Protein backbone atom coordinates (compact mmCIF):
# COMPACT_ATOMS: atom_id res chain seq x y z
CA UNK A 1 -11.00 0.22 1.50
CA UNK A 2 -12.63 -2.88 2.93
CA UNK A 3 -13.04 -2.80 6.71
CA UNK A 4 -12.42 -6.54 6.78
CA UNK A 5 -8.63 -6.25 6.66
CA UNK A 6 -5.93 -4.44 8.54
CA UNK A 7 -4.19 -1.81 6.44
CA UNK A 8 -0.67 -0.48 6.14
CA UNK A 9 0.49 2.80 4.64
CA UNK A 10 3.48 2.56 2.33
CA UNK A 11 4.62 5.07 -0.27
CA UNK A 12 1.56 7.21 0.58
CA UNK A 13 -0.91 4.45 -0.30
CA UNK A 14 -2.96 2.30 2.08
CA UNK A 15 -2.54 -1.41 1.36
CA UNK A 16 -4.85 -4.14 2.65
CA UNK A 17 -3.02 -6.88 4.53
CA UNK A 18 -4.12 -10.48 4.09
CA UNK A 19 -3.39 -13.74 2.31
CA UNK A 20 -4.71 -14.95 -1.03
CA UNK A 21 -7.49 -17.10 0.43
CA UNK A 22 -8.80 -14.29 2.63
CA UNK A 23 -8.85 -11.87 -0.30
CA UNK A 24 -10.61 -14.42 -2.51
CA UNK A 25 -13.29 -15.04 0.12
CA UNK A 26 -13.93 -11.30 0.26
CA UNK A 27 -14.02 -10.99 -3.54
CA UNK A 28 -16.47 -13.89 -3.92
CA UNK A 29 -18.82 -12.32 -1.35
CA UNK A 30 -18.66 -8.96 -3.09
CA UNK A 31 -19.46 -10.64 -6.41
CA UNK A 32 -23.01 -11.13 -5.14
CA UNK A 33 -23.46 -7.54 -4.03
CA UNK A 34 -25.86 -5.07 -5.63
CA UNK A 35 -23.31 -2.27 -5.48
CA UNK A 36 -20.08 -1.99 -7.50
CA UNK A 37 -16.56 -2.24 -6.10
CA UNK A 38 -13.13 -2.83 -7.60
CA UNK A 39 -9.75 -4.29 -6.68
CA UNK A 40 -6.36 -2.78 -7.54
CA UNK A 41 -3.05 -4.60 -7.30
CA UNK A 42 -0.27 -1.98 -7.27
CA UNK A 43 3.18 -3.03 -8.40
CA UNK A 44 6.38 -1.06 -9.01
CA UNK A 45 5.16 0.35 -12.32
CA UNK A 46 1.90 1.55 -10.74
CA UNK A 47 3.68 3.23 -7.84
CA UNK A 48 6.09 5.02 -10.18
CA UNK A 49 3.12 6.34 -12.15
CA UNK A 50 1.38 7.50 -8.98
CA UNK A 51 4.49 9.36 -7.84
CA UNK A 52 5.07 10.99 -11.22
CA UNK A 53 4.95 14.70 -11.85
CA UNK A 54 2.06 16.79 -13.12
CA UNK A 55 -1.71 16.68 -13.11
CA UNK A 56 -1.86 13.27 -14.82
CA UNK A 57 -0.19 11.58 -11.88
CA UNK A 58 -2.28 13.43 -9.32
CA UNK A 59 -5.48 12.39 -11.07
CA UNK A 60 -4.61 8.73 -10.52
CA UNK A 61 -4.66 8.86 -6.73
CA UNK A 62 -8.46 8.90 -6.30
CA UNK A 63 -8.77 5.77 -8.45
CA UNK A 64 -6.42 3.86 -6.16
CA UNK A 65 -7.61 5.35 -2.90
CA UNK A 66 -11.27 4.52 -3.54
CA UNK A 67 -10.62 0.89 -4.41
CA UNK A 68 -12.43 -1.77 -2.38
CA UNK A 69 -9.20 -3.74 -1.96
CA UNK A 70 -5.63 -2.57 -2.53
CA UNK A 71 -3.37 -5.62 -2.71
CA UNK A 72 0.40 -5.49 -3.08
CA UNK A 73 1.33 -7.25 -6.33
CA UNK A 74 5.10 -6.84 -6.09
CA UNK A 75 7.77 -8.68 -4.12
CA UNK A 76 10.06 -5.72 -4.82
CA UNK A 77 7.64 -3.50 -2.87
CA UNK A 78 7.63 -6.13 -0.12
CA UNK A 79 11.42 -5.92 0.14
CA UNK A 80 11.43 -2.12 0.17
CA UNK A 81 8.74 -2.07 2.85
CA UNK A 82 10.83 -4.48 4.93
CA UNK A 83 13.76 -2.04 4.73
CA UNK A 84 11.39 0.49 6.32
CA UNK A 85 10.47 -1.97 9.08
CA UNK A 86 7.08 -2.80 7.56
CA UNK A 87 5.53 -6.18 6.80
CA UNK A 88 3.80 -5.86 3.43
CA UNK A 89 3.15 -9.33 2.01
CA UNK A 90 2.76 -9.67 -1.75
CA UNK A 91 -0.18 -11.49 -3.33
CA UNK A 92 0.54 -11.42 -7.08
CA UNK A 93 -2.47 -10.48 -9.16
CA UNK A 94 -1.84 -13.39 -11.53
CA UNK A 95 -2.14 -15.82 -8.61
CA UNK A 96 -5.30 -14.09 -7.43
CA UNK A 97 -6.92 -14.34 -10.87
CA UNK A 98 -5.97 -17.98 -11.47
CA UNK A 99 -7.20 -19.10 -8.08
CA UNK A 100 -10.41 -17.09 -8.37
CA UNK A 101 -11.33 -18.91 -11.58
CA UNK A 102 -10.70 -22.25 -9.86
CA UNK A 103 -13.09 -21.48 -7.00
CA UNK A 104 -16.20 -23.64 -6.85
CA UNK A 105 -18.36 -20.58 -6.16
CA UNK A 106 -17.43 -19.06 -9.54
CA UNK A 107 -19.16 -21.86 -11.46
CA UNK A 108 -22.44 -20.41 -12.72
CA UNK A 109 -21.34 -16.81 -12.19
CA UNK A 110 -21.38 -14.18 -14.91
CA UNK A 111 -17.84 -12.97 -15.68
CA UNK A 112 -17.41 -10.03 -18.03
CA UNK A 113 -14.05 -9.35 -19.71
CA UNK A 114 -13.12 -5.84 -20.78
CA UNK A 115 -10.29 -6.13 -23.29
CA UNK A 116 -8.57 -9.18 -24.64
CA UNK A 117 -9.31 -10.90 -27.93
CA UNK A 118 -11.92 -13.29 -29.28
CA UNK A 119 -9.27 -16.02 -29.08
CA UNK A 120 -8.81 -15.30 -25.37
CA UNK A 121 -12.57 -15.51 -24.79
CA UNK A 122 -12.77 -18.83 -26.66
CA UNK A 123 -9.90 -20.26 -24.62
CA UNK A 124 -11.58 -19.25 -21.36
CA UNK A 125 -14.92 -20.71 -22.45
CA UNK A 126 -13.23 -24.05 -23.14
CA UNK A 127 -11.20 -23.98 -19.93
CA UNK A 128 -14.03 -22.83 -17.64
CA UNK A 129 -17.26 -24.03 -19.33
CA UNK A 130 -19.42 -23.57 -16.22
CA UNK A 131 -18.81 -19.84 -16.18
CA UNK A 132 -21.06 -17.52 -18.18
CA UNK A 133 -18.61 -15.40 -20.17
CA UNK A 134 -19.22 -12.09 -21.94
CA UNK A 135 -16.71 -9.67 -23.42
CA UNK A 136 -16.40 -6.05 -24.47
CA UNK A 137 -13.53 -5.06 -26.74
CA UNK A 138 -12.96 -1.34 -26.15
CA UNK A 139 -11.71 1.13 -28.74
CA UNK A 140 -8.00 1.88 -28.84
CA UNK A 141 -6.12 4.33 -26.61
CA UNK A 142 -8.42 4.06 -23.60
CA UNK A 143 -6.25 6.30 -21.45
CA UNK A 144 -6.73 9.40 -23.63
CA UNK A 145 -10.01 8.48 -25.29
CA UNK A 146 -12.94 9.72 -23.22
CA UNK A 147 -15.44 8.14 -25.60
CA UNK A 148 -13.73 4.77 -25.14
CA UNK A 149 -13.90 5.12 -21.37
CA UNK A 150 -17.59 6.00 -21.55
CA UNK A 151 -18.25 3.00 -23.79
CA UNK A 152 -16.62 0.72 -21.21
CA UNK A 153 -18.68 2.25 -18.39
CA UNK A 154 -21.88 1.63 -20.35
CA UNK A 155 -20.84 -1.95 -21.06
CA UNK A 156 -20.15 -2.77 -17.41
CA UNK A 157 -23.36 -1.09 -16.22
CA UNK A 158 -25.40 -2.93 -18.86
CA UNK A 159 -23.91 -6.38 -18.19
CA UNK A 160 -24.25 -6.19 -14.39
CA UNK A 161 -21.83 -9.10 -14.12
CA UNK A 162 -20.81 -10.76 -10.88
CA UNK A 163 -17.13 -10.24 -11.72
CA UNK A 164 -15.63 -7.89 -14.30
CA UNK A 165 -12.05 -8.55 -15.40
CA UNK A 166 -10.15 -5.61 -16.88
CA UNK A 167 -7.65 -7.31 -19.19
CA UNK A 168 -5.51 -4.30 -19.99
CA UNK A 169 -2.90 -2.39 -18.09
CA UNK A 170 -2.57 0.45 -15.63
CA UNK A 171 -3.58 3.15 -15.27
CA UNK A 172 -6.40 2.76 -17.81
CA UNK A 173 -8.22 0.00 -15.94
CA UNK A 174 -8.07 1.78 -12.58
CA UNK A 175 -9.24 5.08 -14.08
CA UNK A 176 -12.20 3.41 -15.77
CA UNK A 177 -13.14 1.48 -12.62
CA UNK A 178 -13.22 4.76 -10.73
CA UNK A 179 -15.48 6.23 -13.41
CA UNK A 180 -17.82 3.23 -13.13
CA UNK A 181 -17.96 3.64 -9.35
CA UNK A 182 -18.75 7.34 -9.73
CA UNK A 183 -21.35 6.79 -12.46
CA UNK A 184 -23.37 4.26 -10.46
CA UNK A 185 -25.62 1.55 -11.84
CA UNK A 186 -23.07 -1.28 -11.96
CA UNK A 187 -22.82 -4.15 -9.49
CA UNK A 188 -20.47 -6.93 -8.40
CA UNK A 189 -16.73 -6.58 -8.27
CA UNK A 190 -14.08 -5.70 -10.83
CA UNK A 191 -10.43 -6.73 -10.86
CA UNK A 192 -7.71 -4.83 -12.70
CA UNK A 193 -5.69 -7.83 -13.85
CA UNK A 194 -3.49 -6.79 -16.79
CA UNK A 195 -2.13 -9.87 -18.58
CA UNK A 196 -3.30 -12.39 -15.96
CA UNK A 197 -5.82 -14.11 -18.25
CA UNK A 198 -3.08 -14.71 -20.82
CA UNK A 199 -1.12 -16.56 -18.14
CA UNK A 200 -4.22 -18.55 -17.16
CA UNK A 201 -4.86 -19.70 -20.74
CA UNK A 202 -1.19 -20.33 -21.51
CA UNK A 203 -1.00 -17.59 -24.14
CA UNK A 204 1.92 -16.18 -22.19
CA UNK A 205 4.34 -18.10 -19.99
CA UNK A 206 4.56 -17.22 -16.31
CA UNK A 207 7.97 -17.17 -14.67
CA UNK A 208 9.00 -20.49 -13.07
CA UNK A 209 8.29 -20.68 -9.35
CA UNK A 210 11.97 -20.37 -8.39
CA UNK A 211 12.19 -17.09 -10.32
CA UNK A 212 9.10 -15.85 -8.51
CA UNK A 213 10.50 -16.79 -5.10
CA UNK A 214 13.74 -14.97 -5.92
CA UNK A 215 11.74 -11.84 -6.86
CA UNK A 216 12.96 -12.15 -10.46
CA UNK A 217 9.63 -12.50 -12.23
CA UNK A 218 10.21 -9.07 -13.75
CA UNK A 219 13.46 -10.32 -15.32
CA UNK A 220 11.74 -13.37 -16.78
CA UNK A 221 9.08 -11.18 -18.38
CA UNK A 222 11.76 -8.84 -19.72
CA UNK A 223 13.62 -11.76 -21.30
CA UNK A 224 10.44 -13.12 -22.90
CA UNK A 225 9.11 -9.76 -24.17
CA UNK A 226 12.17 -7.46 -24.42
CA UNK A 227 10.85 -5.11 -27.10
CA UNK A 228 7.62 -4.41 -25.24
CA UNK A 229 8.92 -4.33 -21.68
CA UNK A 230 12.51 -3.06 -21.76
CA UNK A 231 11.56 0.52 -20.97
CA UNK A 232 9.20 -0.45 -18.13
CA UNK A 233 11.78 -2.57 -16.34
CA UNK A 234 15.08 -0.87 -17.23
CA UNK A 235 14.11 2.83 -17.38
CA UNK A 236 10.86 3.41 -15.47
CA UNK A 237 11.03 0.69 -12.83
CA UNK A 238 14.33 1.72 -11.17
CA UNK A 239 12.74 5.06 -10.24
CA UNK A 240 11.02 3.23 -7.40
CA UNK A 241 14.25 3.27 -5.40
CA UNK A 242 14.41 7.07 -5.47
CA UNK A 243 10.71 7.26 -4.59
CA UNK A 244 11.20 4.86 -1.69
CA UNK A 245 14.30 6.70 -0.42
CA UNK A 246 12.46 10.02 -0.40
CA UNK A 247 9.39 8.51 1.29
CA UNK A 248 11.48 6.62 3.86
CA UNK A 249 13.39 9.75 4.80
CA UNK A 250 10.16 11.69 5.34
CA UNK A 251 8.55 8.83 7.27
CA UNK A 252 11.47 8.39 9.65
CA UNK A 253 11.80 12.14 10.25
CA UNK A 254 8.08 12.41 10.97
């Protein structure tokens, strides 16, 4: 955790409290550091995974707890925190990524993408020509493929980029970032950003602002990608309410 921000514990995880500009200032400074750090942006899906059963879920906690910044990505989590009397502002990871790339300080930096496609890289090079872009396309099934994880670690250590963008989902990106931190030799800062670069380049459509303000961005994504996302939002996601209820009961009794 960065000592620069106040923190708040919610659902057994410490979140950093700040606004988008403050987080971006911190990220830009860390981009010039000789040591490696990474940013996680937990949302409902991440929290459900963390509170799952078995060794797999327990092994995720160190990856989140040793992050440099832990930023709430979900307005649903904000609402649940408010029901517990807590102020947990959301700073969506897609906003963070888009605004980072627009920062003047990023011009001339080395940004390394892990994941994505050659088309995505080409789009970013056209859209942000002053950035030095590199990319590593990892083997499939990163979560269960130790060799793939090791290949990513070697790529990030070798590139020594100012900013590394992990363009694939949780918990793979967080697990690999933790491995990079443990391995040593890397520098700069990494962001676990999921599909954010696809929103930046227009490959995928972001929910209209009114949907975002109404905390319905999840519904917009479900409607645009129902086959891929129906289980996440209709089966897995609702478990957060049971998780919150159990946590809230324990917190209030304590």
